[in-house]
Amino acid sequence: KNFNAIIVRCNPGQIKADGGDQAKFDNGMRHMRKLGIQVWPSPDVMEFMGAKDALCKVAHLNIGLEDTLAYYSPEEFSAGFKKTMAFQPRVIKQNRGSSG
């Protein structure tokens, strides 16, 4: 209780992969929030935002880039990616994990 905030720097799944209990950790962070201690990001935000999807979900905000896109099928990728490549170079990332 001698601190004002907690910055969480572990990706979802890392705690369990290291033998810990993700649900117990998340509930502990939720408890800290109830005590008035800020937790960034909160477990609920981490779950809601996902990994790469988070970039798409904030694309319309002033901190995002409007041309950030996600494709969920080979057909969507083929049509959408080819269209955007006509205008500028693009970065491709798999929607798996949040460490790369």
C-alpha atoms as a PDB file:
ATOM      1  CA  LYS A   1       0.000   0.000   0.000  1.00  0.00           C
ATOM      2  CA  ASN A   2       3.053   2.245  -0.171  1.00  0.00           C
ATOM      3  CA  PHE A   3       2.679   2.886  -3.896  1.00  0.00           C
ATOM      4  CA  ASN A   4       0.307   4.781  -6.186  1.00  0.00           C
ATOM      5  CA  ALA A   5       0.174   2.565  -9.247  1.00  0.00           C
ATOM      6  CA  ILE A   6       1.168  -0.764 -10.786  1.00  0.00           C
ATOM      7  CA  ILE A   7       2.422  -1.096 -14.345  1.00  0.00           C
ATOM      8  CA  VAL A   8       1.892  -4.662 -15.581  1.00  0.00           C
ATOM      9  CA  ARG A   9       4.517  -5.820 -18.083  1.00  0.00           C
ATOM     10  CA  CYS A  10       3.616  -9.444 -18.620  1.00  0.00           C
ATOM     11  CA  ASN A  11       1.585 -10.699 -21.506  1.00  0.00           C
ATOM     12  CA  PRO A  12      -1.580 -12.719 -20.975  1.00  0.00           C
ATOM     13  CA  GLY A  13      -0.590 -16.353 -20.738  1.00  0.00           C
ATOM     14  CA  GLN A  14       2.955 -15.764 -19.457  1.00  0.00           C
ATOM     15  CA  ILE A  15       1.967 -16.220 -15.824  1.00  0.00           C
ATOM     16  CA  LYS A  16       0.355 -19.590 -16.496  1.00  0.00           C
ATOM     17  CA  ALA A  17       3.253 -20.625 -18.738  1.00  0.00           C
ATOM     18  CA  ASP A  18       5.623 -19.990 -15.814  1.00  0.00           C
ATOM     19  CA  GLY A  19       3.537 -22.163 -13.474  1.00  0.00           C
ATOM     20  CA  GLY A  20       1.437 -19.387 -11.952  1.00  0.00           C
ATOM     21  CA  ASP A  21      -2.305 -18.817 -11.828  1.00  0.00           C
ATOM     22  CA  GLN A  22      -3.487 -16.126 -14.273  1.00  0.00           C
ATOM     23  CA  ALA A  23      -6.942 -15.868 -12.654  1.00  0.00           C
ATOM     24  CA  LYS A  24      -5.416 -15.388  -9.188  1.00  0.00           C
ATOM     25  CA  PHE A  25      -3.092 -12.681 -10.531  1.00  0.00           C
ATOM     26  CA  ASP A  26      -5.940 -10.926 -12.371  1.00  0.00           C
ATOM     27  CA  ASN A  27      -8.157 -11.007  -9.286  1.00  0.00           C
ATOM     28  CA  GLY A  28      -5.294  -9.590  -7.223  1.00  0.00           C
ATOM     29  CA  MET A  29      -4.932  -6.699  -9.677  1.00  0.00           C
ATOM     30  CA  ARG A  30      -8.695  -6.102  -9.576  1.00  0.00           C
ATOM     31  CA  HIS A  31      -8.470  -5.983  -5.778  1.00  0.00           C
ATOM     32  CA  MET A  32      -5.713  -3.358  -6.002  1.00  0.00           C
ATOM     33  CA  ARG A  33      -7.993  -1.232  -8.188  1.00  0.00           C
ATOM     34  CA  LYS A  34     -10.777  -1.528  -5.598  1.00  0.00           C
ATOM     35  CA  LEU A  35      -8.301  -0.180  -3.039  1.00  0.00           C
ATOM     36  CA  GLY A  36      -7.779   2.859  -5.262  1.00  0.00           C
ATOM     37  CA  ILE A  37      -4.406   1.803  -6.664  1.00  0.00           C
ATOM     38  CA  GLN A  38      -4.195   2.306 -10.421  1.00  0.00           C
ATOM     39  CA  VAL A  39      -3.270  -0.772 -12.476  1.00  0.00           C
ATOM     40  CA  TRP A  40      -2.104  -0.251 -16.090  1.00  0.00           C
ATOM     41  CA  PRO A  41      -3.355  -2.052 -18.005  1.00  0.00           C
ATOM     42  CA  SER A  42      -6.074  -3.621 -15.935  1.00  0.00           C
ATOM     43  CA  PRO A  43      -6.777  -7.333 -16.457  1.00  0.00           C
ATOM     44  CA  ASP A  44     -10.138  -6.486 -17.992  1.00  0.00           C
ATOM     45  CA  VAL A  45      -8.571  -4.117 -20.528  1.00  0.00           C
ATOM     46  CA  MET A  46      -5.912  -6.712 -21.393  1.00  0.00           C
ATOM     47  CA  GLU A  47      -8.599  -9.338 -21.986  1.00  0.00           C
ATOM     48  CA  PHE A  48     -10.803  -6.991 -24.001  1.00  0.00           C
ATOM     49  CA  MET A  49      -8.066  -5.481 -26.127  1.00  0.00           C
ATOM     50  CA  GLY A  50      -6.228  -8.623 -27.090  1.00  0.00           C
ATOM     51  CA  ALA A  51      -2.812  -8.257 -28.656  1.00  0.00           C
ATOM     52  CA  LYS A  52      -2.555  -6.906 -32.178  1.00  0.00           C
ATOM     53  CA  ASP A  53      -6.304  -6.289 -32.180  1.00  0.00           C
ATOM     54  CA  ALA A  54      -5.688  -3.517 -29.669  1.00  0.00           C
ATOM     55  CA  LEU A  55      -4.070  -1.451 -32.410  1.00  0.00           C
ATOM     56  CA  CYS A  56      -7.194  -1.782 -34.550  1.00  0.00           C
ATOM     57  CA  LYS A  57      -9.479  -0.925 -31.653  1.00  0.00           C
ATOM     58  CA  VAL A  58      -7.687   2.382 -31.029  1.00  0.00           C
ATOM     59  CA  ALA A  59      -7.143   3.224 -34.709  1.00  0.00           C
ATOM     60  CA  HIS A  60      -9.917   5.837 -34.679  1.00  0.00           C
ATOM     61  CA  LEU A  61      -8.585   7.589 -31.555  1.00  0.00           C
ATOM     62  CA  ASN A  62      -6.041  10.399 -31.709  1.00  0.00           C
ATOM     63  CA  ILE A  63      -3.375   7.966 -30.448  1.00  0.00           C
ATOM     64  CA  GLY A  64      -4.077   5.465 -33.253  1.00  0.00           C
ATOM     65  CA  LEU A  65      -3.501   5.253 -36.983  1.00  0.00           C
ATOM     66  CA  GLU A  66      -6.643   5.145 -39.100  1.00  0.00           C
ATOM     67  CA  ASP A  67      -5.106   2.796 -41.641  1.00  0.00           C
ATOM     68  CA  THR A  68      -4.436   0.047 -39.059  1.00  0.00           C
ATOM     69  CA  LEU A  69      -6.366  -2.984 -40.233  1.00  0.00           C
ATOM     70  CA  ALA A  70      -6.940  -6.631 -39.338  1.00  0.00           C
ATOM     71  CA  TYR A  71      -7.843  -9.485 -41.648  1.00  0.00           C
ATOM     72  CA  TYR A  72      -9.476 -12.641 -40.317  1.00  0.00           C
ATOM     73  CA  SER A  73      -9.673 -14.760 -43.446  1.00  0.00           C
ATOM     74  CA  PRO A  74      -7.457 -15.377 -46.465  1.00  0.00           C
ATOM     75  CA  GLU A  75     -10.074 -13.694 -48.651  1.00  0.00           C
ATOM     76  CA  GLU A  76     -10.167 -10.544 -46.505  1.00  0.00           C
ATOM     77  CA  PHE A  77      -6.385 -10.427 -46.485  1.00  0.00           C
ATOM     78  CA  SER A  78      -6.078 -10.820 -50.242  1.00  0.00           C
ATOM     79  CA  ALA A  79      -8.616  -8.115 -51.042  1.00  0.00           C
ATOM     80  CA  GLY A  80      -7.727  -5.615 -48.307  1.00  0.00           C
ATOM     81  CA  PHE A  81      -3.967  -5.925 -48.235  1.00  0.00           C
ATOM     82  CA  LYS A  82      -3.557  -5.599 -51.984  1.00  0.00           C
ATOM     83  CA  LYS A  83      -5.681  -2.461 -51.909  1.00  0.00           C
ATOM     84  CA  THR A  84      -3.606  -0.792 -49.167  1.00  0.00           C
ATOM     85  CA  MET A  85      -0.285  -1.780 -50.768  1.00  0.00           C
ATOM     86  CA  ALA A  86      -1.184   0.451 -53.727  1.00  0.00           C
ATOM     87  CA  PHE A  87      -0.717   3.509 -51.510  1.00  0.00           C
ATOM     88  CA  GLN A  88       2.178   2.824 -49.132  1.00  0.00           C
ATOM     89  CA  PRO A  89       4.382   0.126 -47.610  1.00  0.00           C
ATOM     90  CA  ARG A  90       2.635  -2.007 -44.984  1.00  0.00           C
ATOM     91  CA  VAL A  91       3.692  -3.967 -41.895  1.00  0.00           C
ATOM     92  CA  ILE A  92       2.277  -7.464 -41.444  1.00  0.00           C
ATOM     93  CA  LYS A  93       1.989  -9.084 -38.007  1.00  0.00           C
ATOM     94  CA  GLN A  94       0.255 -12.241 -36.872  1.00  0.00           C
ATOM     95  CA  ASN A  95      -2.510 -11.718 -34.320  1.00  0.00           C
ATOM     96  CA  ARG A  96      -0.782 -13.994 -31.834  1.00  0.00           C
ATOM     97  CA  GLY A  97       0.841 -12.845 -28.633  1.00  0.00           C
ATOM     98  CA  SER A  98       1.756  -9.288 -27.760  1.00  0.00           C
ATOM     99  CA  SER A  99       5.525  -9.425 -27.580  1.00  0.00           C
ATOM    100  CA  GLY A 100       6.371  -8.904 -31.232  1.00  0.00           C
END
